[in-house]
């Protein structure tokens, strides 16, 4: 399963603990395969025919051809609804062969399961590919929500149970979302990732071509490439908890986030904001209990844990049980800003991409390896002569970096300096520039700052209240809205007795002010 690793940690008021959710059937198929009464002469089909109260179920099996498999010398378990239980079965199912086959397949499984097995609360894979929970409640056995009214009728090829109500076929998360217009904002975004995938398992080999390759009567299945992000929510083999944002809630969240992606191209805003929302909706299945808060975590690109969503019991208006997990229908969606849409934008100064030097003959940047640095390198920056301006108006005493992934928000500027053993401190000043939405350029000059020669920490530069950046800068190399910081070595000849023109620097970071 290709997906981002995500898991859940719970907290009860201020006491924190962790719960690990394991999704496993834990069935020993080999043991179940032969668990039936080999001394009985009656097959499952014979047993059904002997019971007049199961005649409706038997007739439906014969209609789709499932009666034949119940004569095979292989172990099956049949959960047979009584005639009375089937009186309420929908005409839509009865009059559609595919729907009827899917329904009946929800009452038959391979291998033998007795009522004793239900004590273990196991998930049983039915003939239609769905998993249904076989469990006990108050001493009674249930398959899904259906009570076993008569249990453990042994046959020569399996076990027969009678049900007082039929077992409804549940949709999986993917089919439920696609079949419910309340979630069209989510499915409309995901639709662009729909794809047809060759299903070799269900395709039939019909020959060999001239190249010696197998030729198939091909079957294709619908899939979606976004499953790499949110998990295979169309699969019956995995269990997920999905945070259901109905269109009204989704639109409220979208409107709030879109303010941070101020960009002239609406398609770009839609792409980034929708991805931010949808990528944080799916998790390994978990249960919410009263008075608990779920902190939904993922692992970021640095291998660190980030709390990306906080989910309170009060945020949930409904829980929908599905064949591969559940959907929590939310009336409130709490993304954690610093772990999702308001993250720092860091520039590693040793990177030459998006970095400009005022005069490469007067200012040099030497990259030095150091395992304690953020990118395993720091930089020694040296101005070889006094600051001066060329005839073209270019100073020789600065270098400039451009940032990506900057939202329309307020940022503090931090520089991580490294001690390089210089004898004296240095003096720097800075200019933060950005292009406004109307195309004009704003330049904020940040006054001189003395950097101690022993400095080996992250230093706040400029106004502690931060700088409001009005536009969104994406990952494109030629971004329409650049955000740049120029660093000037401000040491004249006369000041060399006090200051050095050399200093060490690791990275520059724009950190959102929350």
Protein backbone atom coordinates (compact mmCIF):
# COMPACT_ATOMS: atom_id res chain seq x y z
CA UNK A 1 0.00 0.00 0.00
CA UNK A 2 1.55 3.26 -1.10
CA UNK A 3 0.61 6.11 1.17
CA UNK A 4 2.01 8.62 3.59
CA UNK A 5 2.53 7.10 7.01
CA UNK A 6 -0.16 8.42 9.33
CA UNK A 7 -1.28 7.37 12.75
CA UNK A 8 -3.21 8.59 15.75
CA UNK A 9 -2.29 9.58 19.30
CA UNK A 10 -5.04 10.19 21.87
CA UNK A 11 -5.17 12.57 24.81
CA UNK A 12 -7.69 12.64 27.67
CA UNK A 13 -7.80 16.26 28.89
CA UNK A 14 -4.09 16.75 29.77
CA UNK A 15 -3.01 13.14 30.15
CA UNK A 16 -1.35 11.96 26.96
CA UNK A 17 -1.10 8.39 25.79
CA UNK A 18 -0.75 6.57 22.55
CA UNK A 19 -2.90 3.97 20.92
CA UNK A 20 -1.69 1.97 17.99
CA UNK A 21 -4.31 0.74 15.55
CA UNK A 22 -3.61 -2.61 13.98
CA UNK A 23 -5.64 -3.75 10.99
CA UNK A 24 -5.42 -7.47 10.65
CA UNK A 25 -7.79 -10.33 10.04
CA UNK A 26 -5.64 -12.74 12.04
CA UNK A 27 -7.34 -15.72 10.46
CA UNK A 28 -5.61 -19.04 10.05
CA UNK A 29 -7.20 -20.00 6.76
CA UNK A 30 -5.76 -23.49 6.69
CA UNK A 31 -7.40 -24.41 9.99
CA UNK A 32 -10.75 -23.11 8.84
CA UNK A 33 -10.58 -24.75 5.46
CA UNK A 34 -11.21 -28.22 6.83
CA UNK A 35 -13.34 -27.33 9.85
CA UNK A 36 -16.60 -29.06 8.94
CA UNK A 37 -18.37 -32.31 9.83
CA UNK A 38 -16.89 -34.87 7.48
CA UNK A 39 -19.19 -37.52 8.93
CA UNK A 40 -22.32 -35.73 7.70
CA UNK A 41 -23.79 -36.91 4.41
CA UNK A 42 -25.66 -33.67 3.80
CA UNK A 43 -24.06 -30.85 1.86
CA UNK A 44 -24.86 -27.24 2.54
CA UNK A 45 -27.25 -27.28 -0.39
CA UNK A 46 -29.02 -30.38 0.99
CA UNK A 47 -29.37 -28.72 4.38
CA UNK A 48 -30.90 -25.61 2.81
CA UNK A 49 -33.38 -27.73 0.85
CA UNK A 50 -34.43 -29.54 4.05
CA UNK A 51 -35.42 -26.28 5.77
CA UNK A 52 -38.61 -24.77 4.34
CA UNK A 53 -37.96 -21.57 6.30
CA UNK A 54 -34.94 -20.95 4.05
CA UNK A 55 -36.69 -21.58 0.72
CA UNK A 56 -36.62 -17.92 -0.38
CA UNK A 57 -32.88 -17.70 0.18
CA UNK A 58 -32.38 -20.99 -1.68
CA UNK A 59 -34.44 -19.75 -4.63
CA UNK A 60 -32.32 -16.64 -4.90
CA UNK A 61 -29.12 -18.71 -4.81
CA UNK A 62 -30.44 -20.83 -7.68
CA UNK A 63 -31.33 -17.70 -9.61
CA UNK A 64 -27.71 -16.48 -9.73
CA UNK A 65 -26.06 -19.94 -9.80
CA UNK A 66 -24.62 -19.84 -6.28
CA UNK A 67 -26.42 -23.07 -5.36
CA UNK A 68 -23.84 -25.05 -7.36
CA UNK A 69 -20.85 -24.03 -5.26
CA UNK A 70 -22.59 -25.31 -2.12
CA UNK A 71 -22.21 -28.84 -3.45
CA UNK A 72 -18.42 -28.58 -3.81
CA UNK A 73 -16.20 -30.63 -1.52
CA UNK A 74 -14.72 -27.46 -0.03
CA UNK A 75 -15.50 -25.74 3.22
CA UNK A 76 -17.95 -22.84 3.18
CA UNK A 77 -19.95 -21.01 5.80
CA UNK A 78 -23.47 -19.89 4.88
CA UNK A 79 -25.34 -17.23 6.84
CA UNK A 80 -28.88 -17.81 5.57
CA UNK A 81 -31.65 -15.25 6.24
CA UNK A 82 -35.05 -16.76 6.93
CA UNK A 83 -38.01 -16.25 4.62
CA UNK A 84 -39.43 -13.65 6.98
CA UNK A 85 -36.12 -11.77 7.09
CA UNK A 86 -36.12 -11.46 3.29
CA UNK A 87 -39.64 -10.02 2.99
CA UNK A 88 -38.20 -6.52 3.33
CA UNK A 89 -35.49 -7.01 0.68
CA UNK A 90 -35.53 -4.14 -1.81
CA UNK A 91 -37.01 -4.66 -5.26
CA UNK A 92 -33.96 -2.85 -6.63
CA UNK A 93 -31.83 -5.77 -5.44
CA UNK A 94 -34.26 -8.49 -6.46
CA UNK A 95 -34.64 -7.13 -10.00
CA UNK A 96 -30.96 -6.58 -10.71
CA UNK A 97 -28.79 -9.68 -11.19
CA UNK A 98 -25.52 -7.94 -10.30
CA UNK A 99 -26.97 -6.38 -7.15
CA UNK A 100 -28.57 -9.69 -6.15
CA UNK A 101 -25.31 -11.56 -6.62
CA UNK A 102 -23.48 -8.95 -4.55
CA UNK A 103 -26.13 -9.29 -1.83
CA UNK A 104 -26.07 -13.09 -1.72
CA UNK A 105 -22.27 -13.08 -1.75
CA UNK A 106 -22.49 -11.12 1.47
CA UNK A 107 -23.96 -14.25 3.16
CA UNK A 108 -21.41 -16.87 2.05
CA UNK A 109 -17.71 -17.17 2.82
CA UNK A 110 -14.95 -19.66 2.20
CA UNK A 111 -13.84 -21.84 5.12
CA UNK A 112 -15.89 -22.87 8.13
CA UNK A 113 -16.73 -20.52 10.97
CA UNK A 114 -18.62 -21.72 14.03
CA UNK A 115 -20.22 -19.48 16.63
CA UNK A 116 -17.15 -20.11 18.79
CA UNK A 117 -15.08 -18.09 16.29
CA UNK A 118 -17.30 -15.05 16.84
CA UNK A 119 -15.86 -14.69 20.34
CA UNK A 120 -12.66 -13.41 18.74
CA UNK A 121 -14.42 -10.55 16.87
CA UNK A 122 -12.89 -11.50 13.53
CA UNK A 123 -13.35 -9.97 10.10
CA UNK A 124 -14.56 -12.55 7.61
CA UNK A 125 -14.02 -12.16 3.88
CA UNK A 126 -17.29 -12.90 2.12
CA UNK A 127 -17.77 -14.32 -1.36
CA UNK A 128 -18.43 -10.82 -2.75
CA UNK A 129 -15.01 -9.62 -1.57
CA UNK A 130 -16.39 -7.61 1.36
CA UNK A 131 -15.18 -8.11 4.92
CA UNK A 132 -17.87 -8.45 7.58
CA UNK A 133 -17.28 -8.59 11.33
CA UNK A 134 -18.17 -11.91 12.99
CA UNK A 135 -18.58 -11.04 16.66
CA UNK A 136 -20.50 -11.57 19.87
CA UNK A 137 -22.65 -9.21 21.93
CA UNK A 138 -24.37 -10.15 25.17
CA UNK A 139 -23.59 -13.80 24.52
CA UNK A 140 -25.16 -13.82 21.02
CA UNK A 141 -23.33 -14.18 17.73
CA UNK A 142 -23.66 -11.62 14.94
CA UNK A 143 -22.44 -11.32 11.38
CA UNK A 144 -22.30 -7.58 10.91
CA UNK A 145 -25.51 -6.36 12.55
CA UNK A 146 -27.44 -9.57 11.86
CA UNK A 147 -28.22 -11.92 14.74
CA UNK A 148 -27.56 -15.63 14.26
CA UNK A 149 -30.89 -17.11 15.35
CA UNK A 150 -29.77 -20.71 14.77
CA UNK A 151 -26.10 -21.65 14.79
CA UNK A 152 -23.60 -24.34 13.88
CA UNK A 153 -25.57 -26.66 11.61
CA UNK A 154 -22.74 -28.92 10.46
CA UNK A 155 -22.64 -30.18 6.89
CA UNK A 156 -20.30 -32.31 4.85
CA UNK A 157 -18.78 -29.20 3.28
CA UNK A 158 -19.14 -26.50 5.91
CA UNK A 159 -21.40 -24.85 8.45
CA UNK A 160 -24.84 -23.28 8.11
CA UNK A 161 -26.17 -20.50 10.34
CA UNK A 162 -29.65 -18.95 10.17
CA UNK A 163 -30.16 -15.19 10.42
CA UNK A 164 -33.15 -13.31 11.82
CA UNK A 165 -32.34 -10.42 9.46
CA UNK A 166 -30.30 -10.19 6.29
CA UNK A 167 -26.77 -8.76 6.16
CA UNK A 168 -26.77 -5.56 4.12
CA UNK A 169 -23.92 -4.91 1.71
CA UNK A 170 -21.95 -1.88 2.84
CA UNK A 171 -20.21 0.45 0.44
CA UNK A 172 -16.53 1.11 0.90
CA UNK A 173 -15.28 4.64 1.53
CA UNK A 174 -14.50 5.34 -2.11
CA UNK A 175 -17.86 4.20 -3.48
CA UNK A 176 -19.73 5.94 -0.66
CA UNK A 177 -18.08 9.29 -1.39
CA UNK A 178 -18.69 8.96 -5.12
CA UNK A 179 -22.32 8.01 -4.57
CA UNK A 180 -23.14 10.86 -2.21
CA UNK A 181 -23.57 14.37 -3.63
CA UNK A 182 -22.93 15.86 -0.16
CA UNK A 183 -19.22 15.16 -0.78
CA UNK A 184 -18.98 16.44 -4.35
CA UNK A 185 -16.30 19.01 -3.46
CA UNK A 186 -14.01 16.16 -2.41
CA UNK A 187 -14.88 13.85 -5.31
CA UNK A 188 -14.69 16.63 -7.90
CA UNK A 189 -11.11 17.30 -6.86
CA UNK A 190 -10.23 13.60 -6.83
CA UNK A 191 -11.88 12.97 -10.21
CA UNK A 192 -8.90 14.46 -12.04
CA UNK A 193 -6.79 11.57 -10.73
CA UNK A 194 -9.15 8.81 -11.92
CA UNK A 195 -7.53 6.14 -14.05
CA UNK A 196 -8.21 2.72 -15.58
CA UNK A 197 -5.87 -0.02 -14.40
CA UNK A 198 -5.34 -3.37 -16.13
CA UNK A 199 -6.64 -6.11 -13.83
CA UNK A 200 -4.48 -9.12 -14.70
CA UNK A 201 -5.99 -11.28 -11.95
CA UNK A 202 -9.50 -11.04 -13.41
CA UNK A 203 -8.43 -10.95 -17.06
CA UNK A 204 -8.51 -14.17 -19.08
CA UNK A 205 -5.47 -15.35 -21.04
CA UNK A 206 -6.67 -16.21 -24.56
CA UNK A 207 -3.44 -16.90 -26.38
CA UNK A 208 0.14 -15.95 -27.25
CA UNK A 209 1.07 -13.34 -29.86
CA UNK A 210 3.95 -13.51 -32.34
CA UNK A 211 6.31 -11.99 -29.79
CA UNK A 212 5.59 -14.74 -27.28
CA UNK A 213 3.55 -12.40 -25.08
CA UNK A 214 0.34 -13.48 -23.38
CA UNK A 215 -2.79 -12.00 -24.92
CA UNK A 216 -5.68 -11.30 -22.55
CA UNK A 217 -9.39 -10.78 -22.74
CA UNK A 218 -8.65 -7.73 -20.68
CA UNK A 219 -10.52 -6.46 -17.66
CA UNK A 220 -9.84 -2.94 -16.42
CA UNK A 221 -10.73 -1.57 -13.01
CA UNK A 222 -11.28 2.01 -11.96
CA UNK A 223 -8.62 3.42 -9.68
CA UNK A 224 -7.20 6.76 -8.66
CA UNK A 225 -3.59 7.87 -8.49
CA UNK A 226 -4.35 9.99 -5.43
CA UNK A 227 -4.55 6.74 -3.45
CA UNK A 228 -0.77 7.14 -3.17
CA UNK A 229 -1.55 10.05 -0.85
CA UNK A 230 -4.67 9.03 1.06
CA UNK A 231 -4.39 5.23 0.92
CA UNK A 232 -6.38 2.68 -1.05
CA UNK A 233 -9.80 3.71 0.22
CA UNK A 234 -11.39 1.68 -2.59
CA UNK A 235 -9.88 -1.58 -1.30
CA UNK A 236 -11.63 -4.05 1.00
CA UNK A 237 -8.24 -5.21 2.29
CA UNK A 238 -7.47 -2.14 4.42
CA UNK A 239 -9.37 -0.21 7.06
CA UNK A 240 -9.42 3.58 7.22
CA UNK A 241 -11.05 6.38 9.12
CA UNK A 242 -12.00 9.17 6.74
CA UNK A 243 -12.90 12.68 7.86
CA UNK A 244 -16.06 13.52 5.97
CA UNK A 245 -16.34 17.19 5.06
CA UNK A 246 -19.75 17.83 3.53
CA UNK A 247 -19.81 20.55 0.91
CA UNK A 248 -20.77 23.35 3.32
CA UNK A 249 -17.98 22.52 5.78
CA UNK A 250 -15.52 21.95 2.93
CA UNK A 251 -16.33 25.33 1.39
CA UNK A 252 -15.87 27.12 4.73
CA UNK A 253 -12.45 25.51 5.19
CA UNK A 254 -11.53 26.24 1.56
CA UNK A 255 -12.45 29.92 1.89
CA UNK A 256 -10.33 30.30 5.03
CA UNK A 257 -7.29 28.62 3.49
CA UNK A 258 -7.56 30.38 0.12
CA UNK A 259 -6.64 33.68 1.81
CA UNK A 260 -3.13 32.28 2.33
CA UNK A 261 -2.75 31.41 -1.38
CA UNK A 262 -3.27 34.89 -2.89
CA UNK A 263 -2.41 34.23 -6.52
CA UNK A 264 -3.85 35.52 -9.84
CA UNK A 265 -4.38 32.04 -11.28
CA UNK A 266 -7.50 30.53 -9.66
CA UNK A 267 -6.57 27.04 -10.87
CA UNK A 268 -3.32 27.26 -8.92
CA UNK A 269 -5.17 28.31 -5.77
CA UNK A 270 -7.67 25.48 -6.26
CA UNK A 271 -4.89 22.94 -6.69
CA UNK A 272 -2.96 23.92 -3.57
CA UNK A 273 -5.90 24.49 -1.25
CA UNK A 274 -7.78 21.35 -2.31
CA UNK A 275 -4.66 19.24 -1.92
CA UNK A 276 -4.07 20.72 1.52
CA UNK A 277 -7.57 19.71 2.61
CA UNK A 278 -8.00 16.30 0.97
CA UNK A 279 -4.50 15.03 1.83
CA UNK A 280 -5.38 15.33 5.54
CA UNK A 281 -8.68 13.43 5.51
CA UNK A 282 -7.64 9.75 5.56
CA UNK A 283 -5.99 7.77 8.40
CA UNK A 284 -5.56 4.21 9.58
CA UNK A 285 -8.84 3.30 11.23
CA UNK A 286 -9.39 4.50 14.78
CA UNK A 287 -12.28 4.88 17.23
CA UNK A 288 -13.39 8.04 18.97
CA UNK A 289 -14.63 7.74 22.56
CA UNK A 290 -16.52 10.29 24.61
CA UNK A 291 -14.32 12.97 26.24
CA UNK A 292 -11.35 12.04 24.08
CA UNK A 293 -9.46 14.17 21.61
CA UNK A 294 -7.65 12.54 18.72
CA UNK A 295 -4.39 14.10 17.61
CA UNK A 296 -3.85 12.92 14.06
CA UNK A 297 -0.18 12.76 13.17
CA UNK A 298 1.84 12.22 10.06
CA UNK A 299 5.56 12.01 9.34
CA UNK A 300 6.97 15.01 7.52
CA UNK A 301 9.80 15.16 4.97
CA UNK A 302 12.37 15.44 7.78
CA UNK A 303 11.15 12.22 9.48
CA UNK A 304 9.59 14.24 12.29
CA UNK A 305 6.12 13.86 13.77
CA UNK A 306 3.67 16.63 12.96
CA UNK A 307 0.24 17.02 14.50
CA UNK A 308 -1.77 17.87 11.41
CA UNK A 309 -5.38 17.60 12.67
CA UNK A 310 -7.02 17.91 16.07
CA UNK A 311 -10.31 16.05 16.31
CA UNK A 312 -12.64 16.52 19.27
CA UNK A 313 -15.71 14.44 19.95
CA UNK A 314 -17.77 17.63 19.60
CA UNK A 315 -16.48 18.05 16.02
CA UNK A 316 -18.26 14.85 14.91
CA UNK A 317 -21.91 15.01 13.87
CA UNK A 318 -22.20 11.39 12.70
CA UNK A 319 -20.22 8.18 12.18
CA UNK A 320 -20.89 6.04 9.10
CA UNK A 321 -19.78 2.41 9.25
CA UNK A 322 -18.51 1.10 5.91
CA UNK A 323 -16.98 -2.11 4.61
CA UNK A 324 -13.40 -0.84 4.85
CA UNK A 325 -13.60 1.50 7.81
CA UNK A 326 -15.71 4.46 8.79
CA UNK A 327 -16.41 8.06 7.93
CA UNK A 328 -16.58 10.65 10.67
CA UNK A 329 -18.91 13.37 9.40
CA UNK A 330 -17.50 16.63 10.74
CA UNK A 331 -19.12 19.92 11.65
CA UNK A 332 -15.68 21.45 12.27
CA UNK A 333 -12.27 20.74 10.74
CA UNK A 334 -9.18 21.84 12.68
CA UNK A 335 -5.99 21.80 10.65
CA UNK A 336 -2.93 22.68 12.72
CA UNK A 337 -1.46 25.69 10.87
CA UNK A 338 2.22 25.22 11.74
CA UNK A 339 2.14 21.60 10.56
CA UNK A 340 0.13 22.09 7.39
CA UNK A 341 -0.43 25.32 5.49
CA UNK A 342 1.67 27.76 7.58
CA UNK A 343 5.06 26.07 7.55
CA UNK A 344 8.47 27.77 7.47
CA UNK A 345 10.24 28.49 4.19
CA UNK A 346 13.93 27.69 4.63
CA UNK A 347 16.81 28.46 2.31
CA UNK A 348 20.05 26.52 2.78
CA UNK A 349 22.67 29.12 1.90
CA UNK A 350 25.08 26.55 0.43
CA UNK A 351 22.55 25.99 -2.36
CA UNK A 352 23.42 28.05 -5.43
CA UNK A 353 19.85 27.82 -6.77
CA UNK A 354 17.93 31.11 -6.34
CA UNK A 355 21.03 32.76 -4.88
CA UNK A 356 22.70 35.86 -6.35
CA UNK A 357 26.02 37.46 -5.34
CA UNK A 358 26.44 41.21 -5.83
CA UNK A 359 30.03 41.01 -7.03
CA UNK A 360 31.57 37.56 -7.19
CA UNK A 361 35.08 38.99 -7.32
CA UNK A 362 34.62 40.93 -4.06
CA UNK A 363 32.28 38.61 -2.12
CA UNK A 364 32.82 34.87 -1.81
CA UNK A 365 30.80 32.07 -0.22
CA UNK A 366 32.72 28.95 0.75
CA UNK A 367 30.76 25.80 1.56
CA UNK A 368 32.09 23.85 4.57
CA UNK A 369 30.87 20.41 5.62
CA UNK A 370 29.64 20.06 9.19
CA UNK A 371 27.38 17.23 10.38
CA UNK A 372 25.72 19.47 12.98
CA UNK A 373 24.31 21.79 10.33
CA UNK A 374 20.77 21.56 8.96
CA UNK A 375 21.93 20.59 5.48
CA UNK A 376 25.24 19.15 6.67
CA UNK A 377 26.96 22.31 5.42
CA UNK A 378 27.51 25.86 6.61
CA UNK A 379 28.95 28.76 4.68
CA UNK A 380 31.85 31.14 5.24
CA UNK A 381 30.96 34.49 3.69
CA UNK A 382 33.84 36.93 3.08
CA UNK A 383 33.94 40.45 1.66
CA UNK A 384 37.47 41.01 0.34
CA UNK A 385 37.39 44.82 0.24
CA UNK A 386 35.44 47.78 1.58
CA UNK A 387 31.81 48.06 0.44
CA UNK A 388 31.53 49.97 -2.81
CA UNK A 389 29.11 50.57 -5.66
CA UNK A 390 29.92 49.93 -9.30
CA UNK A 391 29.12 52.33 -12.15
CA UNK A 392 26.02 50.22 -12.77
CA UNK A 393 24.78 50.85 -9.26
CA UNK A 394 25.55 47.33 -7.98
CA UNK A 395 27.06 46.98 -4.54
CA UNK A 396 29.88 44.50 -4.05
CA UNK A 397 28.94 43.65 -0.48
CA UNK A 398 25.73 41.61 -0.62
CA UNK A 399 24.25 38.29 -1.55
CA UNK A 400 20.56 37.66 -2.20
CA UNK A 401 18.33 34.60 -1.85
CA UNK A 402 14.81 33.92 -3.16
CA UNK A 403 12.26 31.90 -1.20
CA UNK A 404 9.64 29.42 -2.34
CA UNK A 405 6.50 28.12 -0.62
CA UNK A 406 5.74 31.46 0.99
CA UNK A 407 2.06 32.00 1.84
CA UNK A 408 0.16 35.27 2.03
CA UNK A 409 0.89 35.70 5.73
CA UNK A 410 3.09 37.41 8.30
CA UNK A 411 6.63 36.05 8.72
CA UNK A 412 9.57 36.50 11.05
CA UNK A 413 13.05 36.34 9.54
CA UNK A 414 15.60 34.07 11.20
CA UNK A 415 19.22 33.46 10.23
CA UNK A 416 21.18 30.52 11.63
CA UNK A 417 24.75 31.70 12.12
CA UNK A 418 27.77 29.46 12.68
CA UNK A 419 30.87 30.28 14.67
CA UNK A 420 33.94 30.18 12.43
CA UNK A 421 36.55 31.27 14.97
CA UNK A 422 36.80 34.87 13.71
CA UNK A 423 38.60 37.31 16.00
CA UNK A 424 35.95 40.02 15.70
CA UNK A 425 32.20 40.33 15.26
CA UNK A 426 30.73 41.55 12.00
CA UNK A 427 28.10 44.11 11.08
CA UNK A 428 25.28 43.30 8.66
CA UNK A 429 22.12 44.92 7.36
CA UNK A 430 19.33 43.47 5.26
CA UNK A 431 16.70 44.34 2.65
CA UNK A 432 13.54 42.24 2.36
CA UNK A 433 11.82 42.72 -0.99
CA UNK A 434 8.66 41.28 -2.52
CA UNK A 435 6.41 41.94 -5.48
CA UNK A 436 2.91 43.06 -4.62
CA UNK A 437 -0.28 41.85 -6.25
CA UNK A 438 -0.37 44.99 -8.44
CA UNK A 439 3.18 44.41 -9.68
CA UNK A 440 4.89 47.04 -7.57
CA UNK A 441 7.90 46.12 -5.46
CA UNK A 442 8.16 46.75 -1.72
CA UNK A 443 11.59 46.95 -0.09
CA UNK A 444 11.89 46.89 3.70
CA UNK A 445 15.34 47.93 4.92
CA UNK A 446 16.32 46.17 8.14
CA UNK A 447 18.82 48.20 10.21
CA UNK A 448 22.39 47.15 11.03
CA UNK A 449 22.85 44.24 13.37
CA UNK A 450 26.07 43.23 15.12
CA UNK A 451 26.69 39.48 14.81
CA UNK A 452 29.02 38.13 17.49
CA UNK A 453 31.94 36.11 16.16
CA UNK A 454 30.99 33.26 18.54
CA UNK A 455 27.36 33.21 17.44
CA UNK A 456 26.14 29.64 16.83
CA UNK A 457 22.37 29.94 16.96
CA UNK A 458 19.24 31.09 15.14
CA UNK A 459 18.95 34.90 15.33
CA UNK A 460 15.81 36.96 14.75
CA UNK A 461 16.43 39.68 12.16
CA UNK A 462 14.35 42.84 11.99
CA UNK A 463 10.98 43.61 13.52
CA UNK A 464 9.80 40.98 16.01
CA UNK A 465 6.20 41.49 14.88
CA UNK A 466 7.16 40.10 11.48
CA UNK A 467 6.61 41.19 7.90
CA UNK A 468 3.30 40.84 6.08
CA UNK A 469 3.84 39.19 2.69
CA UNK A 470 0.77 39.81 0.51
CA UNK A 471 1.10 37.04 -2.07
CA UNK A 472 1.64 33.30 -2.44
CA UNK A 473 4.95 32.08 -3.88
CA UNK A 474 4.82 28.55 -5.26
CA UNK A 475 7.49 26.02 -6.19
CA UNK A 476 7.95 27.30 -9.74
CA UNK A 477 11.51 28.40 -10.49
CA UNK A 478 10.26 31.53 -12.26
CA UNK A 479 7.66 32.49 -9.73
CA UNK A 480 5.54 35.52 -10.48
CA UNK A 481 5.77 36.78 -6.90
CA UNK A 482 9.37 36.48 -5.65
CA UNK A 483 10.26 37.09 -2.02
CA UNK A 484 13.93 37.94 -1.56
CA UNK A 485 16.33 38.83 1.22
CA UNK A 486 19.58 40.70 0.58
CA UNK A 487 22.36 40.48 3.18
CA UNK A 488 24.96 43.26 3.15
CA UNK A 489 28.37 43.20 4.84
CA UNK A 490 28.42 46.72 6.25
CA UNK A 491 32.06 47.16 7.31
CA UNK A 492 34.07 50.09 5.92
CA UNK A 493 37.87 50.33 6.00
CA UNK A 494 37.73 52.55 9.05
CA UNK A 495 35.55 50.03 10.90
CA UNK A 496 37.86 47.04 10.31
CA UNK A 497 39.48 47.74 13.67
CA UNK A 498 36.10 46.89 15.24
CA UNK A 499 34.51 44.40 12.85
CA UNK A 500 35.34 41.50 10.56
CA UNK A 501 34.12 41.15 6.99
CA UNK A 502 33.82 37.38 7.41
CA UNK A 503 31.03 35.41 9.10
CA UNK A 504 29.49 31.94 9.13
CA UNK A 505 25.91 31.17 8.12
CA UNK A 506 23.90 27.94 7.89
CA UNK A 507 20.42 28.85 6.65
CA UNK A 508 17.83 31.62 6.40
CA UNK A 509 14.24 30.89 7.37
CA UNK A 510 10.94 32.72 7.05
CA UNK A 511 8.79 31.50 9.95
CA UNK A 512 5.05 32.28 10.04
CA UNK A 513 3.81 34.44 12.91
CA UNK A 514 0.78 32.59 14.27
